[in-house]
Amino acid sequence: MLKPIVVVTYIVLALTSASAQTPFYQGKTITIVQGTEPGGSSDVQTRALLPYLKKHIPGEPTLVSEYMPGSGGTKAANHVFKNVRPDGLTMGRVGGGLIANAVLGEQVYLPGLAA
């Protein structure tokens, strides 16, 4: 069994090393790509969520909404999947219908986007 002093020392060192780091998102911009047009109900939901994201993401980053309507959110999902760097600075926001179509195995044709 470990002595209590060893456990306390480990906890103190773990906490001080975690608090000494600079938040990753400090001074950065997070883009939320929405698969809808501005002004709809999902846009209102996303805008209502933005203050909470800004408050609870360490570093209080700037949050920006980008709209990419088309094919029920598939265009935005394809953009996020194919063109966005996986660095955590871009999020995709698509509707539940797109998820249901993927689960059910339905194909959506998008002119101009190759599969």
PDB file of N, CA and C in Angstrom:
ATOM      1  N   MET A   1       0.843  -1.186   0.000  1.00  0.00           N
ATOM      2  CA  MET A   1       0.000   0.000   0.000  1.00  0.00           C
ATOM      3  C   MET A   1       0.883   1.241   0.000  1.00  0.00           C
ATOM      4  N   LEU A   2       0.502   2.214  -0.823  1.00  0.00           N
ATOM      5  CA  LEU A   2       1.271   3.452  -0.905  1.00  0.00           C
ATOM      6  C   LEU A   2       1.090   4.270   0.361  1.00  0.00           C
ATOM      7  N   LYS A   3       2.160   4.911   0.733  1.00  0.00           N
ATOM      8  CA  LYS A   3       2.078   5.781   1.897  1.00  0.00           C
ATOM      9  C   LYS A   3       1.276   7.028   1.539  1.00  0.00           C
ATOM     10  N   PRO A   4       0.553   7.576   2.485  1.00  0.00           N
ATOM     11  CA  PRO A   4      -0.268   8.755   2.199  1.00  0.00           C
ATOM     12  C   PRO A   4       0.542   9.935   1.653  1.00  0.00           C
ATOM     13  N   ILE A   5       1.776  10.099   2.081  1.00  0.00           N
ATOM     14  CA  ILE A   5       2.586  11.231   1.607  1.00  0.00           C
ATOM     15  C   ILE A   5       2.877  11.116   0.118  1.00  0.00           C
ATOM     16  N   VAL A   6       3.057   9.890  -0.366  1.00  0.00           N
ATOM     17  CA  VAL A   6       3.317   9.679  -1.787  1.00  0.00           C
ATOM     18  C   VAL A   6       2.074  10.029  -2.597  1.00  0.00           C
ATOM     19  N   VAL A   7       0.917   9.633  -2.122  1.00  0.00           N
ATOM     20  CA  VAL A   7      -0.339   9.917  -2.812  1.00  0.00           C
ATOM     21  C   VAL A   7      -0.600  11.423  -2.850  1.00  0.00           C
ATOM     22  N   VAL A   8      -0.397  12.100  -1.719  1.00  0.00           N
ATOM     23  CA  VAL A   8      -0.613  13.550  -1.652  1.00  0.00           C
ATOM     24  C   VAL A   8       0.359  14.271  -2.584  1.00  0.00           C
ATOM     25  N   THR A   9       1.609  13.849  -2.608  1.00  0.00           N
ATOM     26  CA  THR A   9       2.609  14.464  -3.484  1.00  0.00           C
ATOM     27  C   THR A   9       2.220  14.288  -4.951  1.00  0.00           C
ATOM     28  N   TYR A  10       1.764  13.116  -5.311  1.00  0.00           N
ATOM     29  CA  TYR A  10       1.346  12.856  -6.681  1.00  0.00           C
ATOM     30  C   TYR A  10       0.173  13.760  -7.080  1.00  0.00           C
ATOM     31  N   ILE A  11      -0.798  13.897  -6.207  1.00  0.00           N
ATOM     32  CA  ILE A  11      -1.972  14.739  -6.497  1.00  0.00           C
ATOM     33  C   ILE A  11      -1.567  16.201  -6.656  1.00  0.00           C
ATOM     34  N   VAL A  12      -0.703  16.700  -5.772  1.00  0.00           N
ATOM     35  CA  VAL A  12      -0.263  18.093  -5.848  1.00  0.00           C
ATOM     36  C   VAL A  12       0.498  18.350  -7.139  1.00  0.00           C
ATOM     37  N   LEU A  13       1.379  17.449  -7.522  1.00  0.00           N
ATOM     38  CA  LEU A  13       2.135  17.613  -8.762  1.00  0.00           C
ATOM     39  C   LEU A  13       1.223  17.551  -9.987  1.00  0.00           C
ATOM     40  N   ALA A  14       0.240  16.682  -9.968  1.00  0.00           N
ATOM     41  CA  ALA A  14      -0.682  16.572 -11.088  1.00  0.00           C
ATOM     42  C   ALA A  14      -1.514  17.840 -11.243  1.00  0.00           C
ATOM     43  N   LEU A  15      -1.955  18.413 -10.137  1.00  0.00           N
ATOM     44  CA  LEU A  15      -2.771  19.625 -10.199  1.00  0.00           C
ATOM     45  C   LEU A  15      -1.954  20.841 -10.631  1.00  0.00           C
ATOM     46  N   THR A  16      -0.730  20.969 -10.160  1.00  0.00           N
ATOM     47  CA  THR A  16       0.070  22.136 -10.543  1.00  0.00           C
ATOM     48  C   THR A  16       0.489  22.074 -12.007  1.00  0.00           C
ATOM     49  N   SER A  17       0.759  20.897 -12.535  1.00  0.00           N
ATOM     50  CA  SER A  17       1.144  20.808 -13.941  1.00  0.00           C
ATOM     51  C   SER A  17      -0.057  21.065 -14.842  1.00  0.00           C
ATOM     52  N   ALA A  18      -1.246  20.694 -14.410  1.00  0.00           N
ATOM     53  CA  ALA A  18      -2.442  20.934 -15.216  1.00  0.00           C
ATOM     54  C   ALA A  18      -2.816  22.407 -15.218  1.00  0.00           C
ATOM     55  N   SER A  19      -2.640  23.096 -14.118  1.00  0.00           N
ATOM     56  CA  SER A  19      -3.043  24.497 -14.051  1.00  0.00           C
ATOM     57  C   SER A  19      -2.016  25.422 -14.703  1.00  0.00           C
ATOM     58  N   ALA A  20      -0.811  24.948 -14.951  1.00  0.00           N
ATOM     59  CA  ALA A  20       0.230  25.794 -15.535  1.00  0.00           C
ATOM     60  C   ALA A  20       0.111  25.906 -17.053  1.00  0.00           C
ATOM     61  N   GLN A  21      -0.725  25.085 -17.662  1.00  0.00           N
ATOM     62  CA  GLN A  21      -0.838  25.093 -19.112  1.00  0.00           C
ATOM     63  C   GLN A  21      -1.744  26.230 -19.584  1.00  0.00           C
ATOM     64  N   THR A  22      -1.419  26.786 -20.732  1.00  0.00           N
ATOM     65  CA  THR A  22      -2.252  27.799 -21.349  1.00  0.00           C
ATOM     66  C   THR A  22      -3.404  27.106 -22.066  1.00  0.00           C
ATOM     67  N   PRO A  23      -4.633  27.617 -21.947  1.00  0.00           N
ATOM     68  CA  PRO A  23      -5.746  26.991 -22.658  1.00  0.00           C
ATOM     69  C   PRO A  23      -5.511  26.996 -24.172  1.00  0.00           C
ATOM     70  N   PHE A  24      -5.834  25.879 -24.811  1.00  0.00           N
ATOM     71  CA  PHE A  24      -5.609  25.718 -26.249  1.00  0.00           C
ATOM     72  C   PHE A  24      -6.394  26.738 -27.064  1.00  0.00           C
ATOM     73  N   TYR A  25      -7.617  27.031 -26.660  1.00  0.00           N
ATOM     74  CA  TYR A  25      -8.502  27.888 -27.449  1.00  0.00           C
ATOM     75  C   TYR A  25      -8.330  29.377 -27.174  1.00  0.00           C
ATOM     76  N   GLN A  26      -7.429  29.748 -26.301  1.00  0.00           N
ATOM     77  CA  GLN A  26      -7.254  31.163 -25.964  1.00  0.00           C
ATOM     78  C   GLN A  26      -6.784  31.943 -27.190  1.00  0.00           C
ATOM     79  N   GLY A  27      -7.544  32.991 -27.561  1.00  0.00           N
ATOM     80  CA  GLY A  27      -7.203  33.821 -28.699  1.00  0.00           C
ATOM     81  C   GLY A  27      -7.527  33.207 -30.054  1.00  0.00           C
ATOM     82  N   LYS A  28      -8.222  32.079 -30.083  1.00  0.00           N
ATOM     83  CA  LYS A  28      -8.539  31.411 -31.345  1.00  0.00           C
ATOM     84  C   LYS A  28     -10.024  31.557 -31.666  1.00  0.00           C
ATOM     85  N   THR A  29     -10.383  31.230 -32.885  1.00  0.00           N
ATOM     86  CA  THR A  29     -11.762  31.308 -33.343  1.00  0.00           C
ATOM     87  C   THR A  29     -12.271  29.915 -33.676  1.00  0.00           C
ATOM     88  N   ILE A  30     -13.420  29.564 -33.118  1.00  0.00           N
ATOM     89  CA  ILE A  30     -14.077  28.300 -33.419  1.00  0.00           C
ATOM     90  C   ILE A  30     -15.207  28.599 -34.395  1.00  0.00           C
ATOM     91  N   THR A  31     -15.234  27.885 -35.503  1.00  0.00           N
ATOM     92  CA  THR A  31     -16.266  28.064 -36.514  1.00  0.00           C
ATOM     93  C   THR A  31     -17.273  26.927 -36.409  1.00  0.00           C
ATOM     94  N   ILE A  32     -18.545  27.281 -36.360  1.00  0.00           N
ATOM     95  CA  ILE A  32     -19.609  26.286 -36.343  1.00  0.00           C
ATOM     96  C   ILE A  32     -20.281  26.324 -37.712  1.00  0.00           C
ATOM     97  N   VAL A  33     -20.112  25.249 -38.475  1.00  0.00           N
ATOM     98  CA  VAL A  33     -20.692  25.155 -39.815  1.00  0.00           C
ATOM     99  C   VAL A  33     -22.091  24.568 -39.672  1.00  0.00           C
ATOM    100  N   GLN A  34     -23.090  25.367 -40.037  1.00  0.00           N
ATOM    101  CA  GLN A  34     -24.477  24.927 -39.927  1.00  0.00           C
ATOM    102  C   GLN A  34     -25.011  24.548 -41.300  1.00  0.00           C
ATOM    103  N   GLY A  35     -25.722  23.449 -41.364  1.00  0.00           N
ATOM    104  CA  GLY A  35     -26.287  22.983 -42.621  1.00  0.00           C
ATOM    105  C   GLY A  35     -27.638  23.588 -42.919  1.00  0.00           C
ATOM    106  N   THR A  36     -27.900  24.798 -42.420  1.00  0.00           N
ATOM    107  CA  THR A  36     -29.177  25.466 -42.624  1.00  0.00           C
ATOM    108  C   THR A  36     -28.944  26.914 -43.035  1.00  0.00           C
ATOM    109  N   GLU A  37     -30.054  27.587 -43.341  1.00  0.00           N
ATOM    110  CA  GLU A  37     -29.979  29.012 -43.631  1.00  0.00           C
ATOM    111  C   GLU A  37     -30.122  29.797 -42.334  1.00  0.00           C
ATOM    112  N   PRO A  38     -29.639  31.034 -42.296  1.00  0.00           N
ATOM    113  CA  PRO A  38     -29.788  31.831 -41.080  1.00  0.00           C
ATOM    114  C   PRO A  38     -31.255  32.159 -40.800  1.00  0.00           C
ATOM    115  N   GLY A  39     -31.600  32.175 -39.515  1.00  0.00           N
ATOM    116  CA  GLY A  39     -32.936  32.578 -39.106  1.00  0.00           C
ATOM    117  C   GLY A  39     -33.902  31.456 -38.816  1.00  0.00           C
ATOM    118  N   GLY A  40     -33.544  30.223 -39.106  1.00  0.00           N
ATOM    119  CA  GLY A  40     -34.432  29.098 -38.835  1.00  0.00           C
ATOM    120  C   GLY A  40     -34.359  28.673 -37.368  1.00  0.00           C
ATOM    121  N   SER A  41     -35.148  27.661 -37.032  1.00  0.00           N
ATOM    122  CA  SER A  41     -35.195  27.216 -35.637  1.00  0.00           C
ATOM    123  C   SER A  41     -33.868  26.598 -35.181  1.00  0.00           C
ATOM    124  N   SER A  42     -33.185  25.879 -36.069  1.00  0.00           N
ATOM    125  CA  SER A  42     -31.895  25.301 -35.649  1.00  0.00           C
ATOM    126  C   SER A  42     -30.840  26.390 -35.484  1.00  0.00           C
ATOM    127  N   ASP A  43     -30.941  27.476 -36.262  1.00  0.00           N
ATOM    128  CA  ASP A  43     -30.033  28.604 -36.084  1.00  0.00           C
ATOM    129  C   ASP A  43     -30.273  29.261 -34.729  1.00  0.00           C
ATOM    130  N   VAL A  44     -31.539  29.394 -34.351  1.00  0.00           N
ATOM    131  CA  VAL A  44     -31.868  29.978 -33.044  1.00  0.00           C
ATOM    132  C   VAL A  44     -31.316  29.090 -31.918  1.00  0.00           C
ATOM    133  N   GLN A  45     -31.455  27.784 -32.075  1.00  0.00           N
ATOM    134  CA  GLN A  45     -30.917  26.865 -31.061  1.00  0.00           C
ATOM    135  C   GLN A  45     -29.400  26.991 -30.951  1.00  0.00           C
ATOM    136  N   THR A  46     -28.732  27.078 -32.082  1.00  0.00           N
ATOM    137  CA  THR A  46     -27.274  27.208 -32.070  1.00  0.00           C
ATOM    138  C   THR A  46     -26.849  28.523 -31.451  1.00  0.00           C
ATOM    139  N   ARG A  47     -27.531  29.607 -31.789  1.00  0.00           N
ATOM    140  CA  ARG A  47     -27.200  30.912 -31.211  1.00  0.00           C
ATOM    141  C   ARG A  47     -27.447  30.940 -29.705  1.00  0.00           C
ATOM    142  N   ALA A  48     -28.450  30.207 -29.238  1.00  0.00           N
ATOM    143  CA  ALA A  48     -28.706  30.128 -27.804  1.00  0.00           C
ATOM    144  C   ALA A  48     -27.609  29.350 -27.090  1.00  0.00           C
ATOM    145  N   LEU A  49     -26.973  28.442 -27.787  1.00  0.00           N
ATOM    146  CA  LEU A  49     -25.905  27.627 -27.206  1.00  0.00           C
ATOM    147  C   LEU A  49     -24.551  28.337 -27.174  1.00  0.00           C
ATOM    148  N   LEU A  50     -24.344  29.308 -28.061  1.00  0.00           N
ATOM    149  CA  LEU A  50     -23.041  29.971 -28.191  1.00  0.00           C
ATOM    150  C   LEU A  50     -22.520  30.597 -26.888  1.00  0.00           C
ATOM    151  N   PRO A  51     -23.325  31.326 -26.104  1.00  0.00           N
ATOM    152  CA  PRO A  51     -22.774  31.896 -24.864  1.00  0.00           C
ATOM    153  C   PRO A  51     -22.284  30.834 -23.882  1.00  0.00           C
ATOM    154  N   TYR A  52     -22.968  29.686 -23.846  1.00  0.00           N
ATOM    155  CA  TYR A  52     -22.541  28.617 -22.940  1.00  0.00           C
ATOM    156  C   TYR A  52     -21.248  27.962 -23.417  1.00  0.00           C
ATOM    157  N   LEU A  53     -21.124  27.784 -24.731  1.00  0.00           N
ATOM    158  CA  LEU A  53     -19.872  27.246 -25.260  1.00  0.00           C
ATOM    159  C   LEU A  53     -18.715  28.189 -24.952  1.00  0.00           C
ATOM    160  N   LYS A  54     -18.932  29.473 -25.174  1.00  0.00           N
ATOM    161  CA  LYS A  54     -17.871  30.449 -24.932  1.00  0.00           C
ATOM    162  C   LYS A  54     -17.471  30.471 -23.466  1.00  0.00           C
ATOM    163  N   LYS A  55     -18.444  30.316 -22.595  1.00  0.00           N
ATOM    164  CA  LYS A  55     -18.171  30.365 -21.153  1.00  0.00           C
ATOM    165  C   LYS A  55     -17.435  29.111 -20.668  1.00  0.00           C
ATOM    166  N   HIS A  56     -17.800  27.955 -21.202  1.00  0.00           N
ATOM    167  CA  HIS A  56     -17.280  26.700 -20.652  1.00  0.00           C
ATOM    168  C   HIS A  56     -16.105  26.105 -21.428  1.00  0.00           C
ATOM    169  N   ILE A  57     -15.743  26.654 -22.571  1.00  0.00           N
ATOM    170  CA  ILE A  57     -14.535  26.195 -23.264  1.00  0.00           C
ATOM    171  C   ILE A  57     -13.367  27.000 -22.717  1.00  0.00           C
ATOM    172  N   PRO A  58     -12.338  26.346 -22.188  1.00  0.00           N
ATOM    173  CA  PRO A  58     -11.211  27.085 -21.604  1.00  0.00           C
ATOM    174  C   PRO A  58     -10.567  28.028 -22.612  1.00  0.00           C
ATOM    175  N   GLY A  59     -10.292  29.242 -22.176  1.00  0.00           N
ATOM    176  CA  GLY A  59      -9.662  30.229 -23.036  1.00  0.00           C
ATOM    177  C   GLY A  59     -10.642  31.201 -23.666  1.00  0.00           C
ATOM    178  N   GLU A  60     -11.928  30.976 -23.471  1.00  0.00           N
ATOM    179  CA  GLU A  60     -12.984  31.829 -24.012  1.00  0.00           C
ATOM    180  C   GLU A  60     -12.733  32.236 -25.468  1.00  0.00           C
ATOM    181  N   PRO A  61     -12.806  31.272 -26.397  1.00  0.00           N
ATOM    182  CA  PRO A  61     -12.535  31.583 -27.806  1.00  0.00           C
ATOM    183  C   PRO A  61     -13.665  32.395 -28.438  1.00  0.00           C
ATOM    184  N   THR A  62     -13.381  32.980 -29.588  1.00  0.00           N
ATOM    185  CA  THR A  62     -14.399  33.643 -30.388  1.00  0.00           C
ATOM    186  C   THR A  62     -15.157  32.570 -31.164  1.00  0.00           C
ATOM    187  N   LEU A  63     -16.487  32.656 -31.167  1.00  0.00           N
ATOM    188  CA  LEU A  63     -17.310  31.675 -31.865  1.00  0.00           C
ATOM    189  C   LEU A  63     -18.008  32.338 -33.048  1.00  0.00           C
ATOM    190  N   VAL A  64     -17.926  31.688 -34.212  1.00  0.00           N
ATOM    191  CA  VAL A  64     -18.495  32.226 -35.445  1.00  0.00           C
ATOM    192  C   VAL A  64     -19.374  31.154 -36.082  1.00  0.00           C
ATOM    193  N   SER A  65     -20.569  31.570 -36.553  1.00  0.00           N
ATOM    194  CA  SER A  65     -21.447  30.653 -37.284  1.00  0.00           C
ATOM    195  C   SER A  65     -21.257  30.856 -38.777  1.00  0.00           C
ATOM    196  N   GLU A  66     -21.131  29.749 -39.487  1.00  0.00           N
ATOM    197  CA  GLU A  66     -21.024  29.777 -40.946  1.00  0.00           C
ATOM    198  C   GLU A  66     -22.169  28.936 -41.490  1.00  0.00           C
ATOM    199  N   TYR A  67     -22.898  29.468 -42.448  1.00  0.00           N
ATOM    200  CA  TYR A  67     -24.075  28.788 -42.982  1.00  0.00           C
ATOM    201  C   TYR A  67     -23.751  28.151 -44.325  1.00  0.00           C
ATOM    202  N   MET A  68     -24.171  26.891 -44.475  1.00  0.00           N
ATOM    203  CA  MET A  68     -23.939  26.162 -45.703  1.00  0.00           C
ATOM    204  C   MET A  68     -25.177  25.311 -46.000  1.00  0.00           C
ATOM    205  N   PRO A  69     -26.282  25.962 -46.404  1.00  0.00           N
ATOM    206  CA  PRO A  69     -27.503  25.198 -46.658  1.00  0.00           C
ATOM    207  C   PRO A  69     -27.380  24.360 -47.924  1.00  0.00           C
ATOM    208  N   GLY A  70     -28.103  23.281 -47.929  1.00  0.00           N
ATOM    209  CA  GLY A  70     -28.123  22.438 -49.122  1.00  0.00           C
ATOM    210  C   GLY A  70     -28.249  20.972 -48.777  1.00  0.00           C
ATOM    211  N   SER A  71     -29.225  20.340 -49.376  1.00  0.00           N
ATOM    212  CA  SER A  71     -29.436  18.895 -49.272  1.00  0.00           C
ATOM    213  C   SER A  71     -29.615  18.429 -47.835  1.00  0.00           C
ATOM    214  N   GLY A  72     -30.342  19.193 -47.049  1.00  0.00           N
ATOM    215  CA  GLY A  72     -30.674  18.782 -45.684  1.00  0.00           C
ATOM    216  C   GLY A  72     -29.482  18.658 -44.760  1.00  0.00           C
ATOM    217  N   GLY A  73     -28.434  19.420 -44.989  1.00  0.00           N
ATOM    218  CA  GLY A  73     -27.250  19.382 -44.139  1.00  0.00           C
ATOM    219  C   GLY A  73     -26.127  18.517 -44.677  1.00  0.00           C
ATOM    220  N   THR A  74     -26.385  17.774 -45.743  1.00  0.00           N
ATOM    221  CA  THR A  74     -25.358  16.900 -46.300  1.00  0.00           C
ATOM    222  C   THR A  74     -24.199  17.702 -46.879  1.00  0.00           C
ATOM    223  N   LYS A  75     -24.517  18.827 -47.488  1.00  0.00           N
ATOM    224  CA  LYS A  75     -23.462  19.669 -48.054  1.00  0.00           C
ATOM    225  C   LYS A  75     -22.508  20.152 -46.950  1.00  0.00           C
ATOM    226  N   ALA A  76     -23.052  20.590 -45.820  1.00  0.00           N
ATOM    227  CA  ALA A  76     -22.222  21.048 -44.706  1.00  0.00           C
ATOM    228  C   ALA A  76     -21.429  19.893 -44.093  1.00  0.00           C
ATOM    229  N   ALA A  77     -22.073  18.738 -43.955  1.00  0.00           N
ATOM    230  CA  ALA A  77     -21.380  17.578 -43.390  1.00  0.00           C
ATOM    231  C   ALA A  77     -20.230  17.131 -44.282  1.00  0.00           C
ATOM    232  N   ASN A  78     -20.450  17.131 -45.594  1.00  0.00           N
ATOM    233  CA  ASN A  78     -19.377  16.769 -46.523  1.00  0.00           C
ATOM    234  C   ASN A  78     -18.239  17.780 -46.460  1.00  0.00           C
ATOM    235  N   HIS A  79     -18.584  19.052 -46.342  1.00  0.00           N
ATOM    236  CA  HIS A  79     -17.547  20.083 -46.239  1.00  0.00           C
ATOM    237  C   HIS A  79     -16.690  19.872 -44.990  1.00  0.00           C
ATOM    238  N   VAL A  80     -17.340  19.634 -43.857  1.00  0.00           N
ATOM    239  CA  VAL A  80     -16.596  19.423 -42.617  1.00  0.00           C
ATOM    240  C   VAL A  80     -15.738  18.167 -42.714  1.00  0.00           C
ATOM    241  N   PHE A  81     -16.281  17.121 -43.308  1.00  0.00           N
ATOM    242  CA  PHE A  81     -15.555  15.853 -43.404  1.00  0.00           C
ATOM    243  C   PHE A  81     -14.377  15.930 -44.362  1.00  0.00           C
ATOM    244  N   LYS A  82     -14.555  16.602 -45.505  1.00  0.00           N
ATOM    245  CA  LYS A  82     -13.529  16.577 -46.547  1.00  0.00           C
ATOM    246  C   LYS A  82     -12.553  17.749 -46.516  1.00  0.00           C
ATOM    247  N   ASN A  83     -12.971  18.913 -46.044  1.00  0.00           N
ATOM    248  CA  ASN A  83     -12.154  20.111 -46.219  1.00  0.00           C
ATOM    249  C   ASN A  83     -11.607  20.731 -44.941  1.00  0.00           C
ATOM    250  N   VAL A  84     -12.059  20.306 -43.793  1.00  0.00           N
ATOM    251  CA  VAL A  84     -11.681  20.961 -42.542  1.00  0.00           C
ATOM    252  C   VAL A  84     -10.558  20.186 -41.868  1.00  0.00           C
ATOM    253  N   ARG A  85      -9.558  20.940 -41.403  1.00  0.00           N
ATOM    254  CA  ARG A  85      -8.467  20.307 -40.648  1.00  0.00           C
ATOM    255  C   ARG A  85      -8.999  19.823 -39.298  1.00  0.00           C
ATOM    256  N   PRO A  86      -8.601  18.643 -38.854  1.00  0.00           N
ATOM    257  CA  PRO A  86      -9.085  18.121 -37.567  1.00  0.00           C
ATOM    258  C   PRO A  86      -8.317  18.712 -36.381  1.00  0.00           C
ATOM    259  N   ASP A  87      -8.385  20.030 -36.222  1.00  0.00           N
ATOM    260  CA  ASP A  87      -7.653  20.691 -35.150  1.00  0.00           C
ATOM    261  C   ASP A  87      -8.554  21.162 -34.012  1.00  0.00           C
ATOM    262  N   GLY A  88      -9.853  20.861 -34.089  1.00  0.00           N
ATOM    263  CA  GLY A  88     -10.765  21.250 -33.024  1.00  0.00           C
ATOM    264  C   GLY A  88     -11.280  22.667 -33.137  1.00  0.00           C
ATOM    265  N   LEU A  89     -11.001  23.354 -34.237  1.00  0.00           N
ATOM    266  CA  LEU A  89     -11.444  24.729 -34.396  1.00  0.00           C
ATOM    267  C   LEU A  89     -12.677  24.853 -35.283  1.00  0.00           C
ATOM    268  N   THR A  90     -13.217  23.735 -35.755  1.00  0.00           N
ATOM    269  CA  THR A  90     -14.423  23.757 -36.570  1.00  0.00           C
ATOM    270  C   THR A  90     -15.359  22.656 -36.093  1.00  0.00           C
ATOM    271  N   MET A  91     -16.647  23.015 -35.931  1.00  0.00           N
ATOM    272  CA  MET A  91     -17.677  22.050 -35.548  1.00  0.00           C
ATOM    273  C   MET A  91     -18.744  22.036 -36.626  1.00  0.00           C
ATOM    274  N   GLY A  92     -19.354  20.894 -36.821  1.00  0.00           N
ATOM    275  CA  GLY A  92     -20.461  20.788 -37.757  1.00  0.00           C
ATOM    276  C   GLY A  92     -21.770  20.702 -37.000  1.00  0.00           C
ATOM    277  N   ARG A  93     -22.787  21.400 -37.514  1.00  0.00           N
ATOM    278  CA  ARG A  93     -24.112  21.378 -36.890  1.00  0.00           C
ATOM    279  C   ARG A  93     -25.111  21.032 -37.980  1.00  0.00           C
ATOM    280  N   VAL A  94     -25.573  19.779 -37.986  1.00  0.00           N
ATOM    281  CA  VAL A  94     -26.534  19.337 -38.990  1.00  0.00           C
ATOM    282  C   VAL A  94     -27.768  18.804 -38.273  1.00  0.00           C
ATOM    283  N   GLY A  95     -28.853  18.680 -38.999  1.00  0.00           N
ATOM    284  CA  GLY A  95     -30.108  18.227 -38.417  1.00  0.00           C
ATOM    285  C   GLY A  95     -30.151  16.725 -38.205  1.00  0.00           C
ATOM    286  N   GLY A  96     -31.139  16.304 -37.450  1.00  0.00           N
ATOM    287  CA  GLY A  96     -31.303  14.887 -37.136  1.00  0.00           C
ATOM    288  C   GLY A  96     -31.695  14.042 -38.334  1.00  0.00           C
ATOM    289  N   GLY A  97     -32.299  14.665 -39.346  1.00  0.00           N
ATOM    290  CA  GLY A  97     -32.685  13.918 -40.541  1.00  0.00           C
ATOM    291  C   GLY A  97     -31.492  13.339 -41.269  1.00  0.00           C
ATOM    292  N   LEU A  98     -30.397  14.054 -41.255  1.00  0.00           N
ATOM    293  CA  LEU A  98     -29.177  13.566 -41.898  1.00  0.00           C
ATOM    294  C   LEU A  98     -28.656  12.322 -41.181  1.00  0.00           C
ATOM    295  N   ILE A  99     -28.724  12.338 -39.867  1.00  0.00           N
ATOM    296  CA  ILE A  99     -28.281  11.177 -39.076  1.00  0.00           C
ATOM    297  C   ILE A  99     -29.198   9.988 -39.357  1.00  0.00           C
ATOM    298  N   ALA A 100     -30.497  10.232 -39.383  1.00  0.00           N
ATOM    299  CA  ALA A 100     -31.450   9.151 -39.646  1.00  0.00           C
ATOM    300  C   ALA A 100     -31.220   8.546 -41.029  1.00  0.00           C
ATOM    301  N   ASN A 101     -30.968   9.396 -42.035  1.00  0.00           N
ATOM    302  CA  ASN A 101     -30.696   8.887 -43.375  1.00  0.00           C
ATOM    303  C   ASN A 101     -29.447   8.022 -43.402  1.00  0.00           C
ATOM    304  N   ALA A 102     -28.427   8.422 -42.671  1.00  0.00           N
ATOM    305  CA  ALA A 102     -27.196   7.627 -42.632  1.00  0.00           C
ATOM    306  C   ALA A 102     -27.435   6.283 -41.952  1.00  0.00           C
ATOM    307  N   VAL A 103     -28.217   6.278 -40.879  1.00  0.00           N
ATOM    308  CA  VAL A 103     -28.506   5.028 -40.175  1.00  0.00           C
ATOM    309  C   VAL A 103     -29.347   4.101 -41.050  1.00  0.00           C
ATOM    310  N   LEU A 104     -30.291   4.677 -41.780  1.00  0.00           N
ATOM    311  CA  LEU A 104     -31.166   3.870 -42.631  1.00  0.00           C
ATOM    312  C   LEU A 104     -30.520   3.479 -43.955  1.00  0.00           C
ATOM    313  N   GLY A 105     -29.343   4.036 -44.236  1.00  0.00           N
ATOM    314  CA  GLY A 105     -28.615   3.675 -45.443  1.00  0.00           C
ATOM    315  C   GLY A 105     -29.100   4.366 -46.704  1.00  0.00           C
ATOM    316  N   GLU A 106     -29.805   5.476 -46.556  1.00  0.00           N
ATOM    317  CA  GLU A 106     -30.294   6.190 -47.728  1.00  0.00           C
ATOM    318  C   GLU A 106     -29.181   7.034 -48.330  1.00  0.00           C
ATOM    319  N   GLN A 107     -29.126   7.090 -49.656  1.00  0.00           N
ATOM    320  CA  GLN A 107     -28.122   7.863 -50.382  1.00  0.00           C
ATOM    321  C   GLN A 107     -28.731   9.210 -50.784  1.00  0.00           C
ATOM    322  N   VAL A 108     -27.943  10.255 -50.691  1.00  0.00           N
ATOM    323  CA  VAL A 108     -28.372  11.582 -51.125  1.00  0.00           C
ATOM    324  C   VAL A 108     -27.452  12.012 -52.249  1.00  0.00           C
ATOM    325  N   TYR A 109     -28.025  12.439 -53.370  1.00  0.00           N
ATOM    326  CA  TYR A 109     -27.224  12.889 -54.510  1.00  0.00           C
ATOM    327  C   TYR A 109     -26.970  14.376 -54.393  1.00  0.00           C
ATOM    328  N   LEU A 110     -25.717  14.761 -54.484  1.00  0.00           N
ATOM    329  CA  LEU A 110     -25.336  16.166 -54.460  1.00  0.00           C
ATOM    330  C   LEU A 110     -24.607  16.509 -55.755  1.00  0.00           C
ATOM    331  N   PRO A 111     -25.213  17.313 -56.610  1.00  0.00           N
ATOM    332  CA  PRO A 111     -24.505  17.701 -57.826  1.00  0.00           C
ATOM    333  C   PRO A 111     -23.256  18.488 -57.494  1.00  0.00           C
ATOM    334  N   GLY A 112     -22.167  18.180 -58.124  1.00  0.00           N
ATOM    335  CA  GLY A 112     -20.920  18.910 -57.913  1.00  0.00           C
ATOM    336  C   GLY A 112     -20.027  18.332 -56.831  1.00  0.00           C
ATOM    337  N   LEU A 113     -20.532  17.410 -56.028  1.00  0.00           N
ATOM    338  CA  LEU A 113     -19.713  16.774 -54.996  1.00  0.00           C
ATOM    339  C   LEU A 113     -19.581  15.297 -55.302  1.00  0.00           C
ATOM    340  N   ALA A 114     -18.355  14.876 -55.505  1.00  0.00           N
ATOM    341  CA  ALA A 114     -18.124  13.454 -55.770  1.00  0.00           C
ATOM    342  C   ALA A 114     -18.123  12.687 -54.456  1.00  0.00           C
ATOM    343  N   ALA A 115     -18.549  11.468 -54.481  1.00  0.00           N
ATOM    344  CA  ALA A 115     -18.611  10.655 -53.264  1.00  0.00           C
ATOM    345  C   ALA A 115     -17.267  10.214 -52.793  1.00  0.00           C
TER     346      ALA A 115
END
